[in-house]
Structure formats: structure tokens, C-alpha cells
Protein backbone atom coordinates (compact mmCIF):
# COMPACT_ATOMS: atom_id res chain seq x y z
CA MET A 1 -19.86 0.27 -9.68
CA GLN A 2 -17.09 0.18 -7.38
CA ASN A 3 -15.66 3.43 -6.15
CA TRP A 4 -12.06 3.27 -7.57
CA ASN A 5 -8.96 5.07 -6.18
CA ARG A 6 -6.98 7.14 -8.47
CA PRO A 7 -3.85 9.32 -7.62
CA ASP A 8 -4.81 12.96 -7.22
CA PRO A 9 -3.53 15.43 -9.92
CA LEU A 10 -0.48 16.47 -8.01
CA THR A 11 0.59 13.05 -7.35
CA ARG A 12 -0.04 12.27 -11.03
CA ASP A 13 2.43 14.93 -11.84
CA LEU A 14 5.10 13.31 -9.85
CA ILE A 15 4.47 9.80 -11.43
CA HIS A 16 4.70 11.76 -15.01
CA LEU A 17 7.67 13.28 -13.73
CA ILE A 18 9.42 10.29 -12.98
CA ASN A 19 8.36 8.55 -16.16
CA ALA A 20 9.73 11.49 -18.07
CA ARG A 21 13.31 11.38 -16.35
CA ARG A 22 13.23 7.60 -17.04
CA HIS A 23 12.93 8.65 -21.03
CA ASP A 24 15.32 11.55 -20.58
CA HIS A 25 13.17 14.06 -21.54
CA TRP A 26 12.18 15.49 -17.89
CA ASP A 27 11.76 19.45 -17.55
CA ALA A 28 13.58 20.82 -14.21
CA ASP A 29 11.41 23.68 -13.73
CA ALA A 30 8.52 21.24 -13.63
CA ALA A 31 10.15 18.79 -11.06
CA PHE A 32 10.87 21.66 -8.91
CA ASP A 33 7.06 22.88 -9.12
CA THR A 34 6.14 19.81 -8.40
CA LEU A 35 7.81 19.18 -5.55
CA ALA A 36 7.38 22.19 -4.17
CA GLU A 37 3.60 22.27 -3.91
CA LEU A 38 3.90 18.64 -2.40
CA ILE A 39 6.25 20.17 0.45
CA GLU A 40 4.19 23.12 0.99
CA GLN A 41 1.05 20.80 1.65
CA ASN A 42 2.89 18.79 3.82
CA ARG A 43 3.24 15.86 1.66
CA GLU A 44 6.90 14.79 2.31
CA ASP A 45 5.94 11.65 3.40
CA GLU A 46 4.59 10.78 0.06
CA ILE A 47 7.53 11.75 -1.64
CA LEU A 48 9.76 9.66 0.56
CA THR A 49 7.61 6.59 0.11
CA VAL A 50 7.60 7.20 -3.58
CA LEU A 51 11.61 7.76 -3.51
CA ALA A 52 11.80 4.29 -1.29
CA ALA A 53 10.08 2.49 -4.22
CA LEU A 54 12.64 3.46 -7.08
CA ASP A 55 15.70 1.84 -8.14
CA GLU A 56 18.82 3.22 -6.53
CA ASP A 57 19.73 5.56 -9.60
CA MET A 58 16.00 7.09 -10.03
CA ALA A 59 16.21 7.30 -6.13
CA GLU A 60 19.40 9.35 -5.99
CA TRP A 61 17.92 11.67 -8.93
CA LEU A 62 14.97 12.33 -6.99
CA PHE A 63 16.52 12.79 -3.60
CA ASP A 64 18.97 15.57 -5.30
CA LEU A 65 15.86 17.58 -6.48
CA LEU A 66 14.85 17.38 -2.96
CA LEU A 67 18.03 18.66 -1.72
CA ALA A 68 18.19 21.55 -4.30
CA GLU A 69 14.74 22.67 -3.52
CA ALA A 70 15.56 22.74 0.38
CA ALA A 71 18.70 24.65 -0.50
CA SER A 72 16.53 27.02 -2.67
CA THR A 73 13.64 27.21 -0.13
CA ASP A 74 14.38 29.95 3.05
CA LEU A 75 11.74 29.17 5.66
CA GLU A 76 11.63 30.89 9.16
CA PRO A 77 10.85 28.50 11.68
CA GLU A 78 7.54 28.28 13.36
CA GLY A 79 6.47 27.40 16.76
CA GLU A 80 8.91 25.32 18.89
CA MET A 81 11.12 23.02 16.98
CA SER A 82 10.70 18.99 18.03
CA ASP A 83 14.28 17.41 19.12
CA SER A 84 12.70 13.71 18.42
CA ALA A 85 11.82 11.73 15.64
CA VAL A 86 8.66 9.65 15.16
CA SER A 87 8.20 7.27 12.59
CA LEU A 88 4.79 5.20 12.28
CA LEU A 89 5.37 1.77 11.44
CA THR A 90 3.08 -1.61 10.61
CA LEU A 91 3.98 -5.15 11.42
CA ALA A 92 2.17 -7.84 9.10
CA LEU A 93 0.58 -10.51 11.21
CA PRO A 94 -0.98 -13.95 10.15
CA LEU A 95 -4.79 -14.31 10.45
CA GLN A 96 -6.38 -17.69 11.05
CA ALA A 97 -10.29 -16.24 11.69
CA ASN A 98 -13.44 -17.41 9.83
CA PHE A 99 -14.40 -14.31 7.94
CA GLY A 100 -18.08 -15.17 8.72
CA GLN A 101 -17.77 -14.88 12.47
CA PRO A 102 -17.02 -11.44 13.95
CA LEU A 103 -13.33 -10.47 14.48
CA ARG A 104 -12.00 -9.78 17.76
CA LEU A 105 -8.92 -8.00 16.32
CA THR A 106 -7.85 -6.09 19.77
CA VAL A 107 -4.69 -6.12 21.67
CA ASP A 108 -3.40 -4.29 24.71
CA PRO A 109 -1.19 -1.26 23.98
CA GLU A 110 1.08 -1.00 26.72
CA GLU A 111 1.47 -4.94 27.04
CA THR A 112 2.23 -4.93 23.26
CA ALA A 113 4.57 -1.66 23.16
CA ALA A 114 6.46 -3.73 25.85
CA LEU A 115 6.71 -6.96 23.40
CA LEU A 116 7.66 -4.50 20.36
CA ARG A 117 10.36 -2.85 22.63
CA GLN A 118 12.05 -6.26 23.83
CA HIS A 119 11.60 -8.31 20.31
CA LEU A 120 12.57 -5.32 18.27
CA ARG A 121 15.24 -4.51 20.55
CA LEU A 122 14.65 -0.96 20.75
CA SER A 123 16.61 1.76 21.96
CA GLN A 124 16.02 2.64 26.03
CA THR A 125 15.27 6.09 24.98
CA ALA A 126 12.57 4.95 22.29
CA GLN A 127 8.66 5.39 23.05
CA VAL A 128 6.34 3.18 21.54
CA ALA A 129 2.69 3.99 21.17
CA VAL A 130 0.39 1.34 19.61
CA GLU A 131 -2.77 1.04 18.09
CA ALA A 132 -5.31 -0.87 19.87
CA LYS A 133 -7.03 -2.19 16.69
CA LEU A 134 -5.22 -4.41 14.37
CA LEU A 135 -6.39 -3.47 11.24
CA THR A 136 -7.50 -5.13 7.91
CA ASP A 137 -6.55 -4.67 4.50
CA THR A 138 -9.85 -3.62 3.73
CA THR A 139 -9.84 -1.18 6.78
CA LEU A 140 -6.82 0.31 5.39
CA ASP A 141 -8.09 0.81 2.07
CA ARG A 142 -10.45 3.32 3.47
CA ILE A 143 -7.59 5.21 4.86
CA SER A 144 -5.69 7.83 2.66
CA LEU A 145 -2.08 8.33 3.12
CA GLN A 146 -2.58 11.70 4.42
CA GLY A 147 -4.56 10.69 6.87
CA LEU A 148 -2.49 8.18 8.13
CA HIS A 149 0.30 10.89 8.85
CA ALA A 150 -1.91 13.33 10.20
CA HIS A 151 -2.82 10.49 12.82
CA VAL A 152 0.92 10.35 13.83
CA GLY A 153 1.18 13.97 15.63
CA SER A 154 -1.80 12.69 18.01
CA VAL A 155 -0.32 9.49 19.01
CA PHE A 156 2.09 10.40 21.55
CA ARG A 157 0.08 13.33 23.66
CA PRO A 158 -0.92 12.74 26.91
CA GLU A 159 -4.97 12.08 26.34
CA ARG A 160 -5.88 8.84 24.59
CA TRP A 161 -5.69 9.68 20.62
CA PRO A 162 -8.70 8.98 18.66
CA PRO A 163 -8.82 5.46 16.68
CA LEU A 164 -7.47 5.40 13.33
CA ALA A 165 -10.44 3.44 11.90
CA PRO A 166 -13.58 3.88 13.57
CA ARG A 167 -14.45 -0.01 12.60
CA LEU A 168 -13.14 -2.68 11.20
CA HIS A 169 -13.99 -4.40 7.83
CA LEU A 170 -13.79 -7.97 6.53
CA PRO A 171 -10.41 -9.01 5.55
CA VAL A 172 -9.94 -9.87 1.80
CA GLU A 173 -6.70 -11.80 2.99
CA HIS A 174 -5.53 -13.75 5.84
CA THR A 175 -3.34 -10.79 7.08
CA VAL A 176 -4.03 -7.97 9.73
CA TYR A 177 -1.77 -5.11 10.49
CA LEU A 178 -0.64 -3.91 13.84
CA LEU A 179 0.28 -0.47 13.48
CA PHE A 180 2.41 1.66 16.02
CA GLY A 181 4.66 4.75 16.52
CA ILE A 182 8.40 5.07 17.88
CA ARG A 183 9.64 8.19 19.24
CA ASP A 184 13.52 8.55 19.73
CA GLU A 185 15.64 11.26 19.64
CA ALA A 186 17.23 10.47 16.47
CA GLU A 187 15.51 8.66 13.78
CA PRO A 188 14.19 5.12 15.44
CA THR A 189 16.43 2.20 14.19
CA ILE A 190 14.75 -1.00 13.28
CA PRO A 191 16.65 -4.38 12.76
CA ASP A 192 17.01 -5.50 9.27
CA GLU A 193 16.00 -9.10 10.34
CA MET A 194 14.07 -10.39 13.16
CA ALA A 195 15.87 -13.71 15.18
CA ASP A 196 13.39 -16.58 14.98
CA ALA A 197 13.70 -16.44 18.84
CA ASP A 198 11.97 -13.01 18.62
CA LYS A 199 9.53 -13.64 15.73
CA GLU A 200 8.03 -16.91 17.89
CA ALA A 201 8.12 -14.76 21.36
CA LEU A 202 6.53 -11.83 19.78
CA LEU A 203 3.72 -13.63 18.02
CA ALA A 204 3.63 -15.97 21.13
CA GLY A 205 2.61 -12.60 23.21
CA LEU A 206 0.34 -10.94 20.56
CA ARG A 207 -1.74 -14.55 20.03
CA ALA A 208 -2.24 -14.48 24.17
CA GLN A 209 -4.39 -11.29 23.47
CA CYS A 210 -5.85 -12.01 20.22
CA ALA A 211 -6.63 -15.67 19.44
CA ASP A 212 -7.52 -14.75 16.21
CA LEU A 213 -3.91 -15.01 15.09
CA ALA A 214 -2.59 -17.66 13.41
CA THR A 215 0.48 -19.70 14.99
CA ALA A 216 2.87 -18.69 11.96
CA PRO A 217 6.10 -16.89 13.22
CA HIS A 218 7.69 -17.75 9.98
CA LEU A 219 5.43 -15.20 8.22
CA LEU A 220 6.83 -12.19 10.47
CA GLU A 221 8.99 -9.90 9.00
CA THR A 222 10.80 -6.68 10.13
CA PRO A 223 7.87 -3.93 10.24
CA ALA A 224 7.71 -1.49 7.40
CA TYR A 225 6.85 2.05 7.18
CA ALA A 226 2.91 2.42 7.37
CA ALA A 227 2.63 3.74 4.11
CA TYR A 228 3.81 0.65 2.64
CA ALA A 229 1.20 -1.01 4.40
CA LEU A 230 -1.22 1.21 3.01
CA PHE A 231 -0.30 1.00 -0.38
CA ASP A 232 -0.24 -3.11 -0.11
CA ALA A 233 -3.62 -3.35 1.34
CA LYS A 234 -5.23 -1.10 -1.38
CA ASN A 235 -3.35 -3.09 -4.14
CA ALA A 236 -4.91 -6.34 -2.34
CA VAL A 237 -8.46 -4.58 -2.02
CA GLY A 238 -8.47 -3.00 -5.73
CA LEU A 239 -7.19 -6.30 -7.64
CA GLN A 240 -10.12 -8.30 -6.03
CA ARG A 241 -12.29 -6.01 -6.21
CA LEU A 242 -11.77 -6.06 -10.10
CA ALA A 243 -11.64 -9.55 -10.31
CA ASP A 244 -15.06 -9.83 -8.67
CA GLU A 245 -16.51 -7.51 -11.18
CA THR A 246 -15.06 -9.22 -13.80
CA ILE A 247 -16.08 -12.55 -12.80
CA ALA A 248 -19.88 -11.13 -12.09
CA VAL A 249 -20.30 -10.01 -15.78
CA TRP A 250 -18.52 -13.63 -16.66
CA ARG A 251 -21.19 -15.36 -15.14
CA GLU A 252 -23.99 -13.68 -17.20
CA LEU A 253 -22.61 -14.89 -20.16
CA THR A 254 -24.67 -17.80 -22.51
CA PRO A 255 -22.16 -21.31 -21.72
CA GLY A 256 -21.70 -20.90 -25.34
CA LEU A 257 -19.95 -17.41 -25.27
CA ARG A 258 -18.40 -17.87 -21.90
CA GLY A 259 -16.76 -20.96 -23.72
CA ARG A 260 -15.45 -18.63 -26.54
CA VAL A 261 -14.29 -15.48 -24.66
CA ILE A 262 -11.03 -13.90 -24.25
CA VAL A 263 -10.12 -12.06 -21.01
CA HIS A 264 -7.45 -9.42 -21.66
CA LEU A 265 -5.88 -8.37 -18.93
CA HIS A 266 -4.12 -4.75 -19.18
CA THR A 267 -1.25 -3.59 -17.15
CA GLN A 268 0.29 0.32 -17.92
CA CYS A 269 3.91 -0.05 -17.80
CA GLY A 270 5.78 1.42 -15.45
CA ASN A 271 7.67 0.31 -12.03
CA GLY A 272 7.89 2.21 -8.64
CA VAL A 273 4.78 4.13 -9.90
CA TYR A 274 1.16 4.05 -9.61
CA MET A 275 -0.12 1.54 -12.73
CA PRO A 276 -3.71 1.30 -14.12
CA VAL A 277 -4.88 -2.09 -14.18
CA TRP A 278 -7.98 -3.23 -16.10
CA THR A 279 -9.43 -6.13 -18.12
CA ASP A 280 -11.74 -6.81 -21.29
CA LEU A 281 -14.07 -9.38 -22.32
CA LEU A 282 -13.42 -10.19 -25.87
CA ASP A 283 -15.44 -12.25 -28.20
CA PRO A 284 -13.20 -13.30 -31.15
CA ASP A 285 -15.98 -13.83 -33.10
CA THR A 286 -17.36 -10.10 -33.01
CA ALA A 287 -14.49 -8.25 -32.01
CA GLU A 288 -13.64 -6.55 -35.09
CA GLU A 289 -16.55 -5.07 -35.70
CA GLU A 290 -18.21 -4.34 -32.33
CA GLY A 291 -14.88 -4.08 -29.75
CA PRO A 292 -14.79 -5.53 -26.30
CA LEU A 293 -18.43 -7.09 -25.15
CA TRP A 294 -17.12 -5.29 -21.39
CA THR A 295 -14.35 -3.18 -20.33
CA SER A 296 -14.00 -2.74 -16.85
CA PRO A 297 -13.25 0.51 -14.70
CA ASP A 298 -9.44 0.72 -14.36
CA VAL A 299 -7.96 -0.07 -10.70
CA TRP A 300 -4.50 2.03 -9.87
CA VAL A 301 -1.81 0.11 -7.99
CA PHE A 302 1.37 1.18 -6.64
CA THR A 303 3.88 -1.08 -7.93
CA ALA A 304 6.95 -0.56 -5.32
CA ASP A 305 9.24 -3.06 -7.23
CA LEU A 306 6.70 -5.46 -7.89
CA PRO A 307 7.35 -7.17 -11.18
CA ILE A 308 4.84 -6.25 -13.75
CA GLU A 309 3.24 -9.25 -14.42
CA TRP A 310 1.66 -9.43 -10.49
CA PRO A 311 -1.30 -7.80 -11.13
CA GLY A 312 -2.24 -10.19 -14.27
CA GLU A 313 -1.11 -13.45 -11.92
CA VAL A 314 -3.65 -12.04 -9.08
CA LEU A 315 -6.49 -11.62 -11.51
CA THR A 316 -5.62 -15.06 -13.44
CA ASN A 317 -5.82 -17.11 -10.52
CA ARG A 318 -9.18 -15.87 -9.31
CA LEU A 319 -10.89 -16.13 -12.71
CA LEU A 320 -9.28 -19.96 -13.58
CA ALA A 321 -11.10 -20.86 -10.30
CA GLU A 322 -14.27 -19.50 -11.96
CA GLY A 323 -13.97 -22.12 -14.87
CA CYS A 324 -12.17 -19.11 -17.07
CA THR A 325 -9.61 -20.31 -19.33
CA ARG A 326 -9.05 -18.36 -22.01
CA PHE A 327 -6.24 -15.16 -21.32
CA GLU A 328 -3.91 -12.80 -22.94
CA ASN A 329 -1.80 -10.37 -20.91
CA HIS A 330 -1.49 -6.79 -22.54
CA ILE A 331 1.54 -4.77 -20.94
CA VAL A 332 0.47 -0.55 -22.71
CA GLU A 333 3.15 1.63 -22.84
CA THR A 334 1.83 5.38 -23.93
CA THR A 335 3.67 8.17 -24.76
CA GLU A 336 2.03 10.28 -22.34
CA ASN A 337 2.80 7.99 -19.25
């Protein structure tokens, strides 16, 4: 049985708060309590990541709550305040490696920092620190959001910081991630778009260090906050594992049963929140009396403005490749979520 990652209870409280606000029955005291507890646990970045995935109206509402919470909290400064801001960012890179061979996904931190400074047009005051390893989606799947942000504090120390992941894992998709930190006097400024010449030169410089990267500069986009890469990786890996398990059970069915079985793809209603996805294998001849032949564990994905049909498309494509052709999509909305 796969170890499916689910959000912890406090994150679920934040999800329920957002969904309650969407349906105009949210409780202000509960909202402040949830936000205060997240802040006390030093999880502001998690709030900001969720906030960034919301539509404009919902984002303004949550931001106003954060300001109100901050105004009502009297905190004495502890220790020396930092005069600079740090952002941990990722750049998704195309991979051409044969997954059956060992992957040599490393770059030179100093050389790569110089490339990023030049082609992201960073300010002269910005410092850049680069992870030597290019991480795969399956590697990121094993890293928690809290662990990711705890790592940020170590990357600009004079001594060499420990690696974010002790070892790499074979990827699910042909994408790897370059993680790097930028420290500047103000919030680091990243361009909204990269010029084609900068994309080509940056990828050429990275390929000179790591031959497993593909020549595909058109796939490069402006770097994203590292939390988004983490969510994307967990989404990709989680849905592929869900498909693997559904396919394994479907293969065990007899040919006659396999010919008539219907795959139900279930997704919870919601956007910009965590959303459970699960599958049923249903025999229409026995469904009313016996229910599904098999029901999968559910996998939680963070939708972050993705279409609600997206998980169903991912799973359908995998199952079609196995010869399974009968599907029903079920978008579920429950009163508590």
C-alpha cells in the first residue's frame, strides 16, 4: 500500500476556512485562531503559498485577515533583525536522460550562480546560492514544505550547508528542478518573462555542466517559488502512483470482467486548495448489490488554479494506454468541504 501524503490537521483547518468563506458561512474567530496557530509554528510561507493560489477576491480576503492578525499581535523582537530578504526559487529544466541509467544531475554552484545572476538580470546587491544537485519530482515528493523553508536559513552561512536531499530518485516526468536562493536588501526581483536569448544561454551553460539536460530552451519559464515546485512534484508523483495502483488491480481482473468494468475517477470540488482524488473499479452487473470491485486510497493534490478536470485527464491517459476504455468522471462536493 502506498504511503499517501495528506495535509496535517492545521492545514486542513485553513482549507475548510477558505471553502467556508467561498460559501459565506465562515467564522471570524476560527479564522484568526487558525492563522495565529500557523504563525506561531513559523508557517507563514505556507499561508503565503496558499494565498498565491487563490483568485483575487479570495486572496484579498485572506491578506486582510493576515493584516488584522498582525495588528492585534504585540511581539517583542527577539535577537538581531536581518536587514535582507531571502527567497528560495526553482527553475524547471527539461531532462533527456534514459531513466534506466544512473542520473548525473549535478551542477557547479558558483558557475551556476553566475549564470543565474546574468540571465535573470539580478541586481548587483543580490547574493545567489545554488543547490549542487538537480532534484527530480520524486525527490521533491519526499521533502516537506516545512523542511524546504527550514533549509533556506542555512544556504547563506559561511560554511557549506547540508544538501536538501541526501540522494536522488528516478523521476516520473522528464523534468528536474534547479533550486537556488537569492538574498537581497529588499525582496528579490525576478523578471516576469525571460528573453529567448537568456533562455538559450542559460540552458547552454547548464548543459555544459550536466549533459543529462535536454536542448529545449522554449520549455524554460521564469523561476517560481520553491513551494510551488514542491506542490507540483507531489501532484505529479501522487497521481502517477494512483494510476499505477489502479492499473495493477485492473490487470488482475479476468478478460471478461475487464471488458465491462467502468473506472470511476473521483475528484473533490475545489480550486486553490488541497483536493482528494481517488478511483473505483465498478462492475455494472453487480454494482447495486455489492458496490465497487475495488476502491483506491485517496491522494491529495494542491490545485493552485489548475482545472478541476486535470487529475481525471492524467489518470485517463494512463489507463487508456493500458487498454481500459470505460470511464466516468465524478466531481464530488460535500457539505463539510
